[in-house]
PDB file of N, CA and C in Angstrom:
ATOM      1  N   LEU A   1     -95.876  48.279 -52.358  1.00  0.00           N
ATOM      2  CA  LEU A   1     -96.270  49.883 -52.417  1.00  0.00           C
ATOM      3  C   LEU A   1     -95.513  50.456 -51.114  1.00  0.00           C
ATOM      4  N   VAL A   2     -95.519  49.643 -49.978  1.00  0.00           N
ATOM      5  CA  VAL A   2     -94.630  50.111 -48.983  1.00  0.00           C
ATOM      6  C   VAL A   2     -93.424  50.565 -49.280  1.00  0.00           C
ATOM      7  N   SER A   3     -92.496  49.862 -50.194  1.00  0.00           N
ATOM      8  CA  SER A   3     -91.125  49.879 -50.343  1.00  0.00           C
ATOM      9  C   SER A   3     -91.301  51.034 -51.278  1.00  0.00           C
ATOM     10  N   GLU A   4     -92.118  51.182 -52.202  1.00  0.00           N
ATOM     11  CA  GLU A   4     -92.244  51.937 -53.234  1.00  0.00           C
ATOM     12  C   GLU A   4     -92.448  53.730 -52.877  1.00  0.00           C
ATOM     13  N   PHE A   5     -93.296  53.558 -51.657  1.00  0.00           N
ATOM     14  CA  PHE A   5     -93.729  54.875 -51.016  1.00  0.00           C
ATOM     15  C   PHE A   5     -92.176  54.990 -50.007  1.00  0.00           C
ATOM     16  N   SER A   6     -91.574  54.063 -49.285  1.00  0.00           N
ATOM     17  CA  SER A   6     -90.046  54.701 -48.569  1.00  0.00           C
ATOM     18  C   SER A   6     -89.267  55.099 -49.611  1.00  0.00           C
ATOM     19  N   THR A   7     -89.034  54.776 -50.953  1.00  0.00           N
ATOM     20  CA  THR A   7     -88.208  55.227 -51.792  1.00  0.00           C
ATOM     21  C   THR A   7     -88.491  56.483 -52.424  1.00  0.00           C
ATOM     22  N   GLY A   8     -89.958  56.766 -52.426  1.00  0.00           N
ATOM     23  CA  GLY A   8     -90.881  58.126 -52.569  1.00  0.00           C
ATOM     24  C   GLY A   8     -90.361  59.151 -51.553  1.00  0.00           C
ATOM     25  N   THR A   9     -90.356  58.773 -50.330  1.00  0.00           N
ATOM     26  CA  THR A   9     -90.165  59.342 -49.217  1.00  0.00           C
ATOM     27  C   THR A   9     -88.532  60.058 -49.327  1.00  0.00           C
ATOM     28  N   LEU A  10     -88.019  58.981 -49.327  1.00  0.00           N
ATOM     29  CA  LEU A  10     -86.215  59.278 -49.454  1.00  0.00           C
ATOM     30  C   LEU A  10     -85.963  60.245 -50.598  1.00  0.00           C
ATOM     31  N   VAL A  11     -86.384  59.943 -51.811  1.00  0.00           N
ATOM     32  CA  VAL A  11     -86.291  60.887 -53.067  1.00  0.00           C
ATOM     33  C   VAL A  11     -86.713  62.467 -52.567  1.00  0.00           C
ATOM     34  N   LEU A  12     -87.847  62.401 -52.080  1.00  0.00           N
ATOM     35  CA  LEU A  12     -88.307  63.595 -51.570  1.00  0.00           C
ATOM     36  C   LEU A  12     -87.625  64.323 -50.764  1.00  0.00           C
ATOM     37  N   GLN A  13     -86.980  63.680 -49.549  1.00  0.00           N
ATOM     38  CA  GLN A  13     -86.087  64.272 -48.665  1.00  0.00           C
ATOM     39  C   GLN A  13     -84.912  64.865 -49.473  1.00  0.00           C
ATOM     40  N   ILE A  14     -84.263  64.008 -50.046  1.00  0.00           N
ATOM     41  CA  ILE A  14     -82.996  64.400 -50.959  1.00  0.00           C
ATOM     42  C   ILE A  14     -83.268  65.469 -51.822  1.00  0.00           C
ATOM     43  N   PHE A  15     -84.499  65.531 -52.521  1.00  0.00           N
ATOM     44  CA  PHE A  15     -84.937  66.395 -53.226  1.00  0.00           C
ATOM     45  C   PHE A  15     -84.952  67.756 -52.545  1.00  0.00           C
ATOM     46  N   TRP A  16     -85.510  67.727 -51.717  1.00  0.00           N
ATOM     47  CA  TRP A  16     -85.887  68.834 -50.464  1.00  0.00           C
ATOM     48  C   TRP A  16     -84.398  69.718 -49.861  1.00  0.00           C
ATOM     49  N   GLN A  17     -83.518  68.609 -49.831  1.00  0.00           N
ATOM     50  CA  GLN A  17     -81.998  68.978 -49.376  1.00  0.00           C
ATOM     51  C   GLN A  17     -81.067  69.826 -50.504  1.00  0.00           C
ATOM     52  N   ILE A  18     -80.972  69.080 -51.430  1.00  0.00           N
ATOM     53  CA  ILE A  18     -80.339  69.388 -52.496  1.00  0.00           C
ATOM     54  C   ILE A  18     -80.969  70.824 -53.376  1.00  0.00           C
ATOM     55  N   CYS A  19     -82.079  70.698 -53.986  1.00  0.00           N
ATOM     56  CA  CYS A  19     -82.878  71.356 -54.768  1.00  0.00           C
ATOM     57  C   CYS A  19     -83.598  72.651 -53.858  1.00  0.00           C
ATOM     58  N   TYR A  20     -84.080  72.480 -52.760  1.00  0.00           N
ATOM     59  CA  TYR A  20     -84.670  73.598 -51.978  1.00  0.00           C
ATOM     60  C   TYR A  20     -84.582  73.179 -50.718  1.00  0.00           C
ATOM     61  N   ILE A  21     -83.534  74.310 -50.285  1.00  0.00           N
ATOM     62  CA  ILE A  21     -82.988  74.293 -48.706  1.00  0.00           C
ATOM     63  C   ILE A  21     -84.363  74.832 -48.273  1.00  0.00           C
ATOM     64  N   PHE A  22     -84.951  75.874 -48.436  1.00  0.00           N
ATOM     65  CA  PHE A  22     -86.226  76.730 -47.912  1.00  0.00           C
ATOM     66  C   PHE A  22     -87.328  76.886 -48.926  1.00  0.00           C
ATOM     67  N   PRO A  23     -87.961  75.507 -49.653  1.00  0.00           N
ATOM     68  CA  PRO A  23     -88.663  75.948 -50.585  1.00  0.00           C
ATOM     69  C   PRO A  23     -89.752  76.745 -50.119  1.00  0.00           C
ATOM     70  N   SER A  24     -90.573  77.513 -50.921  1.00  0.00           N
ATOM     71  CA  SER A  24     -91.465  78.329 -50.875  1.00  0.00           C
ATOM     72  C   SER A  24     -92.947  77.980 -51.307  1.00  0.00           C
ATOM     73  N   PHE A  25     -93.901  78.617 -50.878  1.00  0.00           N
ATOM     74  CA  PHE A  25     -95.361  78.090 -51.128  1.00  0.00           C
ATOM     75  C   PHE A  25     -95.539  77.779 -52.645  1.00  0.00           C
ATOM     76  N   ARG A  26     -94.874  78.905 -53.435  1.00  0.00           N
ATOM     77  CA  ARG A  26     -95.170  79.042 -54.992  1.00  0.00           C
ATOM     78  C   ARG A  26     -94.385  77.687 -55.877  1.00  0.00           C
ATOM     79  N   ASP A  27     -93.618  77.027 -55.001  1.00  0.00           N
ATOM     80  CA  ASP A  27     -93.154  75.614 -55.463  1.00  0.00           C
ATOM     81  C   ASP A  27     -93.705  74.616 -55.047  1.00  0.00           C
ATOM     82  N   ILE A  28     -94.812  74.496 -54.345  1.00  0.00           N
ATOM     83  CA  ILE A  28     -95.590  73.371 -53.971  1.00  0.00           C
ATOM     84  C   ILE A  28     -95.965  72.667 -54.803  1.00  0.00           C
ATOM     85  N   GLY A  29     -96.668  73.144 -56.042  1.00  0.00           N
ATOM     86  CA  GLY A  29     -97.310  72.694 -56.964  1.00  0.00           C
ATOM     87  C   GLY A  29     -96.338  71.709 -57.838  1.00  0.00           C
ATOM     88  N   THR A  30     -94.815  72.329 -58.080  1.00  0.00           N
ATOM     89  CA  THR A  30     -94.130  71.663 -58.874  1.00  0.00           C
ATOM     90  C   THR A  30     -93.211  70.666 -58.388  1.00  0.00           C
ATOM     91  N   ILE A  31     -93.096  70.679 -56.719  1.00  0.00           N
ATOM     92  CA  ILE A  31     -92.850  69.527 -55.838  1.00  0.00           C
ATOM     93  C   ILE A  31     -93.764  68.479 -56.101  1.00  0.00           C
ATOM     94  N   ILE A  32     -95.486  68.777 -55.881  1.00  0.00           N
ATOM     95  CA  ILE A  32     -96.243  67.774 -55.956  1.00  0.00           C
ATOM     96  C   ILE A  32     -96.240  66.923 -57.344  1.00  0.00           C
ATOM     97  N   ARG A  33     -96.137  67.762 -58.426  1.00  0.00           N
ATOM     98  CA  ARG A  33     -96.116  67.063 -59.673  1.00  0.00           C
ATOM     99  C   ARG A  33     -94.940  66.556 -59.924  1.00  0.00           C
ATOM    100  N   SER A  34     -93.773  66.793 -59.439  1.00  0.00           N
ATOM    101  CA  SER A  34     -92.466  65.815 -59.513  1.00  0.00           C
ATOM    102  C   SER A  34     -92.517  64.695 -59.067  1.00  0.00           C
ATOM    103  N   LEU A  35     -93.642  64.498 -58.004  1.00  0.00           N
ATOM    104  CA  LEU A  35     -93.835  63.424 -57.284  1.00  0.00           C
ATOM    105  C   LEU A  35     -94.821  62.322 -57.990  1.00  0.00           C
ATOM    106  N   GLY A  36     -95.246  62.864 -59.300  1.00  0.00           N
ATOM    107  CA  GLY A  36     -96.094  61.863 -60.125  1.00  0.00           C
ATOM    108  C   GLY A  36     -97.586  62.412 -59.962  1.00  0.00           C
ATOM    109  N   CYS A  37     -97.807  63.134 -59.415  1.00  0.00           N
ATOM    110  CA  CYS A  37     -99.223  63.596 -58.807  1.00  0.00           C
ATOM    111  C   CYS A  37     -99.411  64.806 -59.657  1.00  0.00           C
ATOM    112  N   PHE A  38    -100.934  64.724 -60.300  1.00  0.00           N
ATOM    113  CA  PHE A  38    -101.364  65.733 -61.070  1.00  0.00           C
ATOM    114  C   PHE A  38    -102.706  66.432 -60.450  1.00  0.00           C
ATOM    115  N   PRO A  39    -102.535  67.589 -59.359  1.00  0.00           N
ATOM    116  CA  PRO A  39    -103.360  68.051 -58.944  1.00  0.00           C
ATOM    117  C   PRO A  39    -103.674  69.384 -59.576  1.00  0.00           C
ATOM    118  N   THR A  40    -105.100  69.772 -59.773  1.00  0.00           N
ATOM    119  CA  THR A  40    -105.732  71.322 -60.027  1.00  0.00           C
ATOM    120  C   THR A  40    -104.789  72.192 -58.945  1.00  0.00           C
ATOM    121  N   GLU A  41    -104.666  73.428 -59.669  1.00  0.00           N
ATOM    122  CA  GLU A  41    -104.382  74.501 -58.836  1.00  0.00           C
ATOM    123  C   GLU A  41    -104.942  74.572 -57.769  1.00  0.00           C
ATOM    124  N   ALA A  42    -106.689  74.459 -57.721  1.00  0.00           N
ATOM    125  CA  ALA A  42    -107.501  74.579 -56.580  1.00  0.00           C
ATOM    126  C   ALA A  42    -106.781  73.573 -55.411  1.00  0.00           C
ATOM    127  N   GLU A  43    -106.609  72.207 -55.966  1.00  0.00           N
ATOM    128  CA  GLU A  43    -106.121  71.040 -55.074  1.00  0.00           C
ATOM    129  C   GLU A  43    -104.885  71.652 -54.662  1.00  0.00           C
ATOM    130  N   VAL A  44    -103.801  72.304 -55.197  1.00  0.00           N
ATOM    131  CA  VAL A  44    -102.685  72.514 -54.766  1.00  0.00           C
ATOM    132  C   VAL A  44    -102.693  73.885 -53.677  1.00  0.00           C
ATOM    133  N   GLN A  45    -103.915  74.738 -53.649  1.00  0.00           N
ATOM    134  CA  GLN A  45    -104.360  75.614 -52.783  1.00  0.00           C
ATOM    135  C   GLN A  45    -104.627  74.857 -51.327  1.00  0.00           C
ATOM    136  N   GLU A  46    -105.410  73.491 -51.716  1.00  0.00           N
ATOM    137  CA  GLU A  46    -106.034  72.722 -50.302  1.00  0.00           C
ATOM    138  C   GLU A  46    -104.637  72.137 -49.836  1.00  0.00           C
ATOM    139  N   VAL A  47    -103.555  71.661 -50.544  1.00  0.00           N
ATOM    140  CA  VAL A  47    -102.456  71.307 -49.902  1.00  0.00           C
ATOM    141  C   VAL A  47    -101.837  72.725 -48.993  1.00  0.00           C
ATOM    142  N   ILE A  48    -101.521  73.614 -49.470  1.00  0.00           N
ATOM    143  CA  ILE A  48    -101.077  74.612 -48.984  1.00  0.00           C
ATOM    144  C   ILE A  48    -101.509  75.173 -47.714  1.00  0.00           C
ATOM    145  N   THR A  49    -102.888  75.082 -47.841  1.00  0.00           N
ATOM    146  CA  THR A  49    -103.635  75.366 -46.646  1.00  0.00           C
ATOM    147  C   THR A  49    -103.263  74.559 -45.465  1.00  0.00           C
ATOM    148  N   LYS A  50    -103.259  73.105 -45.998  1.00  0.00           N
ATOM    149  CA  LYS A  50    -103.122  72.077 -44.840  1.00  0.00           C
ATOM    150  C   LYS A  50    -101.496  72.105 -44.281  1.00  0.00           C
ATOM    151  N   VAL A  51    -100.755  72.531 -44.825  1.00  0.00           N
ATOM    152  CA  VAL A  51     -99.360  72.574 -44.387  1.00  0.00           C
ATOM    153  C   VAL A  51     -98.720  73.788 -44.259  1.00  0.00           C
ATOM    154  N   GLU A  52     -99.729  75.144 -43.997  1.00  0.00           N
ATOM    155  CA  GLU A  52     -99.175  76.347 -43.817  1.00  0.00           C
ATOM    156  C   GLU A  52     -99.348  76.525 -42.347  1.00  0.00           C
ATOM    157  N   GLU A  53     -98.317  76.849 -41.836  1.00  0.00           N
ATOM    158  CA  GLU A  53     -98.357  77.369 -40.497  1.00  0.00           C
ATOM    159  C   GLU A  53     -98.825  78.872 -40.002  1.00  0.00           C
ATOM    160  N   GLU A  54     -99.185  79.033 -38.726  1.00  0.00           N
ATOM    161  CA  GLU A  54     -99.965  80.215 -38.502  1.00  0.00           C
ATOM    162  C   GLU A  54     -99.088  81.211 -38.442  1.00  0.00           C
ATOM    163  N   SER A  55     -97.721  81.148 -38.151  1.00  0.00           N
ATOM    164  CA  SER A  55     -96.847  82.310 -38.057  1.00  0.00           C
ATOM    165  C   SER A  55     -95.924  81.967 -39.531  1.00  0.00           C
ATOM    166  N   SER A  56     -96.785  81.957 -40.632  1.00  0.00           N
ATOM    167  CA  SER A  56     -95.780  81.604 -42.122  1.00  0.00           C
ATOM    168  C   SER A  56     -94.805  82.418 -42.482  1.00  0.00           C
ATOM    169  N   THR A  57     -93.631  81.799 -42.746  1.00  0.00           N
ATOM    170  CA  THR A  57     -92.458  82.781 -43.457  1.00  0.00           C
ATOM    171  C   THR A  57     -92.405  82.472 -44.807  1.00  0.00           C
ATOM    172  N   GLY A  58     -93.650  81.711 -45.590  1.00  0.00           N
ATOM    173  CA  GLY A  58     -93.615  81.736 -46.666  1.00  0.00           C
ATOM    174  C   GLY A  58     -92.986  80.423 -47.246  1.00  0.00           C
ATOM    175  N   HIS A  59     -92.295  79.796 -46.438  1.00  0.00           N
ATOM    176  CA  HIS A  59     -91.444  78.491 -46.663  1.00  0.00           C
ATOM    177  C   HIS A  59     -92.149  77.484 -46.073  1.00  0.00           C
ATOM    178  N   ILE A  60     -91.989  76.037 -47.056  1.00  0.00           N
ATOM    179  CA  ILE A  60     -92.740  75.092 -46.560  1.00  0.00           C
ATOM    180  C   ILE A  60     -91.954  73.961 -45.488  1.00  0.00           C
ATOM    181  N   ASN A  61     -92.502  73.777 -44.516  1.00  0.00           N
ATOM    182  CA  ASN A  61     -91.712  72.852 -43.231  1.00  0.00           C
ATOM    183  C   ASN A  61     -92.054  71.594 -43.706  1.00  0.00           C
ATOM    184  N   LEU A  62     -90.907  70.846 -43.885  1.00  0.00           N
ATOM    185  CA  LEU A  62     -91.154  69.399 -44.297  1.00  0.00           C
ATOM    186  C   LEU A  62     -91.608  68.514 -43.443  1.00  0.00           C
ATOM    187  N   GLU A  63     -91.507  68.696 -42.079  1.00  0.00           N
ATOM    188  CA  GLU A  63     -92.251  67.944 -41.017  1.00  0.00           C
ATOM    189  C   GLU A  63     -93.798  68.223 -41.326  1.00  0.00           C
ATOM    190  N   LYS A  64     -94.172  69.453 -41.622  1.00  0.00           N
ATOM    191  CA  LYS A  64     -95.728  69.307 -42.066  1.00  0.00           C
ATOM    192  C   LYS A  64     -96.219  68.629 -43.428  1.00  0.00           C
ATOM    193  N   PHE A  65     -95.050  68.976 -44.536  1.00  0.00           N
ATOM    194  CA  PHE A  65     -95.760  68.707 -45.672  1.00  0.00           C
ATOM    195  C   PHE A  65     -95.695  66.927 -45.728  1.00  0.00           C
ATOM    196  N   LEU A  66     -94.779  66.561 -45.283  1.00  0.00           N
ATOM    197  CA  LEU A  66     -94.521  64.905 -45.330  1.00  0.00           C
ATOM    198  C   LEU A  66     -95.588  64.130 -45.171  1.00  0.00           C
ATOM    199  N   PRO A  67     -96.312  64.382 -43.963  1.00  0.00           N
ATOM    200  CA  PRO A  67     -97.568  63.428 -43.952  1.00  0.00           C
ATOM    201  C   PRO A  67     -98.784  63.733 -44.637  1.00  0.00           C
ATOM    202  N   VAL A  68     -98.968  64.995 -45.054  1.00  0.00           N
ATOM    203  CA  VAL A  68    -100.010  65.559 -46.245  1.00  0.00           C
ATOM    204  C   VAL A  68     -99.852  64.825 -47.298  1.00  0.00           C
ATOM    205  N   MET A  69     -98.217  64.642 -48.020  1.00  0.00           N
ATOM    206  CA  MET A  69     -97.972  64.008 -49.033  1.00  0.00           C
ATOM    207  C   MET A  69     -98.148  62.785 -48.746  1.00  0.00           C
ATOM    208  N   THR A  70     -97.576  62.299 -47.722  1.00  0.00           N
ATOM    209  CA  THR A  70     -98.120  60.722 -47.555  1.00  0.00           C
ATOM    210  C   THR A  70     -99.515  60.167 -47.498  1.00  0.00           C
ATOM    211  N   LYS A  71    -100.257  60.600 -47.224  1.00  0.00           N
ATOM    212  CA  LYS A  71    -101.789  60.295 -47.188  1.00  0.00           C
ATOM    213  C   LYS A  71    -102.035  60.667 -48.639  1.00  0.00           C
ATOM    214  N   ILE A  72    -101.802  61.782 -49.352  1.00  0.00           N
ATOM    215  CA  ILE A  72    -101.877  61.743 -50.594  1.00  0.00           C
ATOM    216  C   ILE A  72    -101.624  60.813 -51.516  1.00  0.00           C
ATOM    217  N   ILE A  73    -100.224  60.488 -51.349  1.00  0.00           N
ATOM    218  CA  ILE A  73     -99.609  59.271 -52.421  1.00  0.00           C
ATOM    219  C   ILE A  73    -100.321  57.987 -52.026  1.00  0.00           C
ATOM    220  N   LEU A  74    -100.643  57.571 -50.893  1.00  0.00           N
ATOM    221  CA  LEU A  74    -100.965  56.280 -50.247  1.00  0.00           C
ATOM    222  C   LEU A  74    -102.471  56.210 -50.818  1.00  0.00           C
ATOM    223  N   SER A  75    -103.329  57.263 -50.982  1.00  0.00           N
ATOM    224  CA  SER A  75    -104.626  57.173 -51.082  1.00  0.00           C
ATOM    225  C   SER A  75    -104.827  57.234 -52.816  1.00  0.00           C
ATOM    226  N   LYS A  76    -103.639  57.227 -53.559  1.00  0.00           N
ATOM    227  CA  LYS A  76    -103.343  57.746 -55.090  1.00  0.00           C
ATOM    228  C   LYS A  76    -104.522  58.717 -55.368  1.00  0.00           C
ATOM    229  N   ARG A  77    -104.449  59.867 -54.791  1.00  0.00           N
ATOM    230  CA  ARG A  77    -104.967  60.986 -55.032  1.00  0.00           C
ATOM    231  C   ARG A  77    -104.380  61.864 -55.996  1.00  0.00           C
ATOM    232  N   PHE A  78    -104.841  62.615 -56.941  1.00  0.00           N
ATOM    233  CA  PHE A  78    -104.249  63.323 -57.922  1.00  0.00           C
ATOM    234  C   PHE A  78    -103.440  62.551 -58.772  1.00  0.00           C
ATOM    235  N   CYS A  79    -103.772  61.265 -58.999  1.00  0.00           N
ATOM    236  CA  CYS A  79    -103.474  60.386 -60.193  1.00  0.00           C
ATOM    237  C   CYS A  79    -103.741  61.026 -61.724  1.00  0.00           C
ATOM    238  N   PRO A  80    -103.188  60.369 -62.246  1.00  0.00           N
ATOM    239  CA  PRO A  80    -103.053  61.189 -63.726  1.00  0.00           C
ATOM    240  C   PRO A  80    -104.312  60.480 -64.319  1.00  0.00           C
ATOM    241  N   ILE A  81    -104.798  61.075 -65.602  1.00  0.00           N
ATOM    242  CA  ILE A  81    -105.762  60.237 -66.319  1.00  0.00           C
ATOM    243  C   ILE A  81    -105.339  59.061 -67.080  1.00  0.00           C
ATOM    244  N   PRO A  82    -105.907  58.129 -66.925  1.00  0.00           N
ATOM    245  CA  PRO A  82    -105.798  56.568 -67.481  1.00  0.00           C
ATOM    246  C   PRO A  82    -105.370  56.713 -69.167  1.00  0.00           C
ATOM    247  N   GLU A  83    -104.576  56.455 -69.642  1.00  0.00           N
ATOM    248  CA  GLU A  83    -104.116  56.881 -71.122  1.00  0.00           C
ATOM    249  C   GLU A  83    -105.484  56.238 -71.941  1.00  0.00           C
ATOM    250  N   ASP A  84    -106.321  55.206 -71.711  1.00  0.00           N
ATOM    251  CA  ASP A  84    -107.197  55.060 -72.454  1.00  0.00           C
ATOM    252  C   ASP A  84    -108.241  55.825 -72.501  1.00  0.00           C
ATOM    253  N   VAL A  85    -108.554  56.578 -71.426  1.00  0.00           N
ATOM    254  CA  VAL A  85    -109.503  57.589 -71.338  1.00  0.00           C
ATOM    255  C   VAL A  85    -108.938  58.828 -72.215  1.00  0.00           C
ATOM    256  N   LEU A  86    -107.685  59.245 -71.769  1.00  0.00           N
ATOM    257  CA  LEU A  86    -107.146  60.383 -72.778  1.00  0.00           C
ATOM    258  C   LEU A  86    -107.143  59.881 -74.487  1.00  0.00           C
ATOM    259  N   LEU A  87    -107.020  58.739 -74.716  1.00  0.00           N
ATOM    260  CA  LEU A  87    -106.856  58.474 -76.356  1.00  0.00           C
ATOM    261  C   LEU A  87    -108.677  58.260 -76.939  1.00  0.00           C
ATOM    262  N   HIS A  88    -109.343  58.058 -75.520  1.00  0.00           N
ATOM    263  CA  HIS A  88    -110.792  58.119 -76.217  1.00  0.00           C
ATOM    264  C   HIS A  88    -111.279  59.590 -76.485  1.00  0.00           C
ATOM    265  N   ALA A  89    -110.376  60.138 -75.804  1.00  0.00           N
ATOM    266  CA  ALA A  89    -111.028  61.835 -76.011  1.00  0.00           C
ATOM    267  C   ALA A  89    -110.582  62.425 -77.321  1.00  0.00           C
ATOM    268  N   PHE A  90    -109.314  62.000 -77.321  1.00  0.00           N
ATOM    269  CA  PHE A  90    -108.578  62.378 -78.640  1.00  0.00           C
ATOM    270  C   PHE A  90    -109.110  61.643 -79.948  1.00  0.00           C
ATOM    271  N   LYS A  91    -109.649  60.730 -79.664  1.00  0.00           N
ATOM    272  CA  LYS A  91    -110.248  60.129 -80.972  1.00  0.00           C
ATOM    273  C   LYS A  91    -111.597  60.700 -81.337  1.00  0.00           C
ATOM    274  N   ALA A  92    -112.148  61.102 -80.001  1.00  0.00           N
ATOM    275  CA  ALA A  92    -113.591  62.133 -80.364  1.00  0.00           C
ATOM    276  C   ALA A  92    -113.201  63.265 -80.754  1.00  0.00           C
ATOM    277  N   LEU A  93    -112.168  64.158 -80.786  1.00  0.00           N
ATOM    278  CA  LEU A  93    -111.684  65.171 -81.520  1.00  0.00           C
ATOM    279  C   LEU A  93    -111.607  65.094 -82.718  1.00  0.00           C
ATOM    280  N   ASP A  94    -110.938  63.739 -83.078  1.00  0.00           N
ATOM    281  CA  ASP A  94    -110.438  63.546 -84.464  1.00  0.00           C
ATOM    282  C   ASP A  94    -111.586  63.323 -85.403  1.00  0.00           C
ATOM    283  N   GLN A  95    -112.201  64.412 -85.752  1.00  0.00           N
ATOM    284  CA  GLN A  95    -113.137  63.851 -86.450  1.00  0.00           C
ATOM    285  C   GLN A  95    -113.288  63.544 -87.863  1.00  0.00           C
ATOM    286  N   ASN A  96    -111.979  63.976 -88.624  1.00  0.00           N
ATOM    287  CA  ASN A  96    -111.723  63.180 -89.952  1.00  0.00           C
ATOM    288  C   ASN A  96    -111.209  61.625 -89.836  1.00  0.00           C
ATOM    289  N   LYS A  97    -110.683  61.249 -88.533  1.00  0.00           N
ATOM    290  CA  LYS A  97    -110.061  59.994 -88.667  1.00  0.00           C
ATOM    291  C   LYS A  97    -108.950  59.925 -88.986  1.00  0.00           C
ATOM    292  N   CYS A  98    -108.090  60.997 -89.057  1.00  0.00           N
ATOM    293  CA  CYS A  98    -106.826  60.838 -89.559  1.00  0.00           C
ATOM    294  C   CYS A  98    -105.624  60.677 -88.672  1.00  0.00           C
ATOM    295  N   GLU A  99    -106.095  60.348 -87.571  1.00  0.00           N
ATOM    296  CA  GLU A  99    -105.055  59.960 -86.396  1.00  0.00           C
ATOM    297  C   GLU A  99    -104.304  61.016 -85.684  1.00  0.00           C
ATOM    298  N   TYR A 100    -104.779  62.205 -86.161  1.00  0.00           N
ATOM    299  CA  TYR A 100    -103.948  63.329 -85.667  1.00  0.00           C
ATOM    300  C   TYR A 100    -104.854  64.726 -85.315  1.00  0.00           C
ATOM    301  N   ILE A 101    -104.591  65.575 -84.622  1.00  0.00           N
ATOM    302  CA  ILE A 101    -105.357  66.838 -84.489  1.00  0.00           C
ATOM    303  C   ILE A 101    -104.494  67.968 -84.617  1.00  0.00           C
ATOM    304  N   ALA A 102    -105.261  68.719 -85.956  1.00  0.00           N
ATOM    305  CA  ALA A 102    -104.301  69.926 -86.232  1.00  0.00           C
ATOM    306  C   ALA A 102    -104.006  71.012 -85.371  1.00  0.00           C
ATOM    307  N   LYS A 103    -103.125  71.636 -85.253  1.00  0.00           N
ATOM    308  CA  LYS A 103    -102.525  72.270 -84.054  1.00  0.00           C
ATOM    309  C   LYS A 103    -103.910  73.218 -83.988  1.00  0.00           C
ATOM    310  N   GLU A 104    -104.381  73.990 -85.019  1.00  0.00           N
ATOM    311  CA  GLU A 104    -105.282  75.196 -85.001  1.00  0.00           C
ATOM    312  C   GLU A 104    -106.570  74.550 -84.478  1.00  0.00           C
ATOM    313  N   ASP A 105    -106.825  73.263 -84.693  1.00  0.00           N
ATOM    314  CA  ASP A 105    -108.203  72.602 -83.895  1.00  0.00           C
ATOM    315  C   ASP A 105    -108.047  72.284 -82.529  1.00  0.00           C
ATOM    316  N   LEU A 106    -106.666  71.838 -82.328  1.00  0.00           N
ATOM    317  CA  LEU A 106    -106.380  71.694 -80.886  1.00  0.00           C
ATOM    318  C   LEU A 106    -106.366  73.011 -79.889  1.00  0.00           C
ATOM    319  N   VAL A 107    -105.735  74.150 -80.548  1.00  0.00           N
ATOM    320  CA  VAL A 107    -106.009  75.645 -79.770  1.00  0.00           C
ATOM    321  C   VAL A 107    -107.285  75.751 -79.564  1.00  0.00           C
ATOM    322  N   LYS A 108    -108.340  75.504 -80.578  1.00  0.00           N
ATOM    323  CA  LYS A 108    -109.624  75.673 -80.746  1.00  0.00           C
ATOM    324  C   LYS A 108    -110.147  75.145 -79.205  1.00  0.00           C
ATOM    325  N   TYR A 109    -110.182  73.772 -79.369  1.00  0.00           N
ATOM    326  CA  TYR A 109    -110.589  73.289 -78.473  1.00  0.00           C
ATOM    327  C   TYR A 109    -110.358  73.060 -76.663  1.00  0.00           C
ATOM    328  N   LEU A 110    -109.204  73.728 -76.759  1.00  0.00           N
ATOM    329  CA  LEU A 110    -108.443  73.991 -75.617  1.00  0.00           C
ATOM    330  C   LEU A 110    -108.869  75.245 -74.919  1.00  0.00           C
ATOM    331  N   THR A 111    -109.246  76.377 -76.140  1.00  0.00           N
ATOM    332  CA  THR A 111    -109.705  77.750 -75.413  1.00  0.00           C
ATOM    333  C   THR A 111    -111.102  78.153 -75.598  1.00  0.00           C
ATOM    334  N   GLU A 112    -111.808  77.408 -76.266  1.00  0.00           N
ATOM    335  CA  GLU A 112    -113.151  77.846 -76.178  1.00  0.00           C
ATOM    336  C   GLU A 112    -114.042  77.385 -75.177  1.00  0.00           C
ATOM    337  N   GLU A 113    -115.234  77.974 -74.678  1.00  0.00           N
ATOM    338  CA  GLU A 113    -115.902  77.646 -73.332  1.00  0.00           C
ATOM    339  C   GLU A 113    -117.137  76.877 -74.199  1.00  0.00           C
TER     340      GLU A 113
END
């Protein structure tokens, strides 16, 4: 896990330097998700609150962001939903047992309250 984390930290630092010389807070969700984490928008806002500086320039400070992401990654927070749970959910929606969900049905399921 430590080696995996060290590699992830190195990747983040390279990503930061190449792609985002000065990444802004609107990019933070994309950055977190590119690290294999799947936070909700509310959770992204929590991270922004933790790394935002008092005199915010609108840009993320790597020195503040890295310790926060270290805790998130090591605690396995924002992990994806396990595959078997997703499969169970899709099977529940597949009422005709045809092993697929029609586009119209999926849109209905995802948009109705």
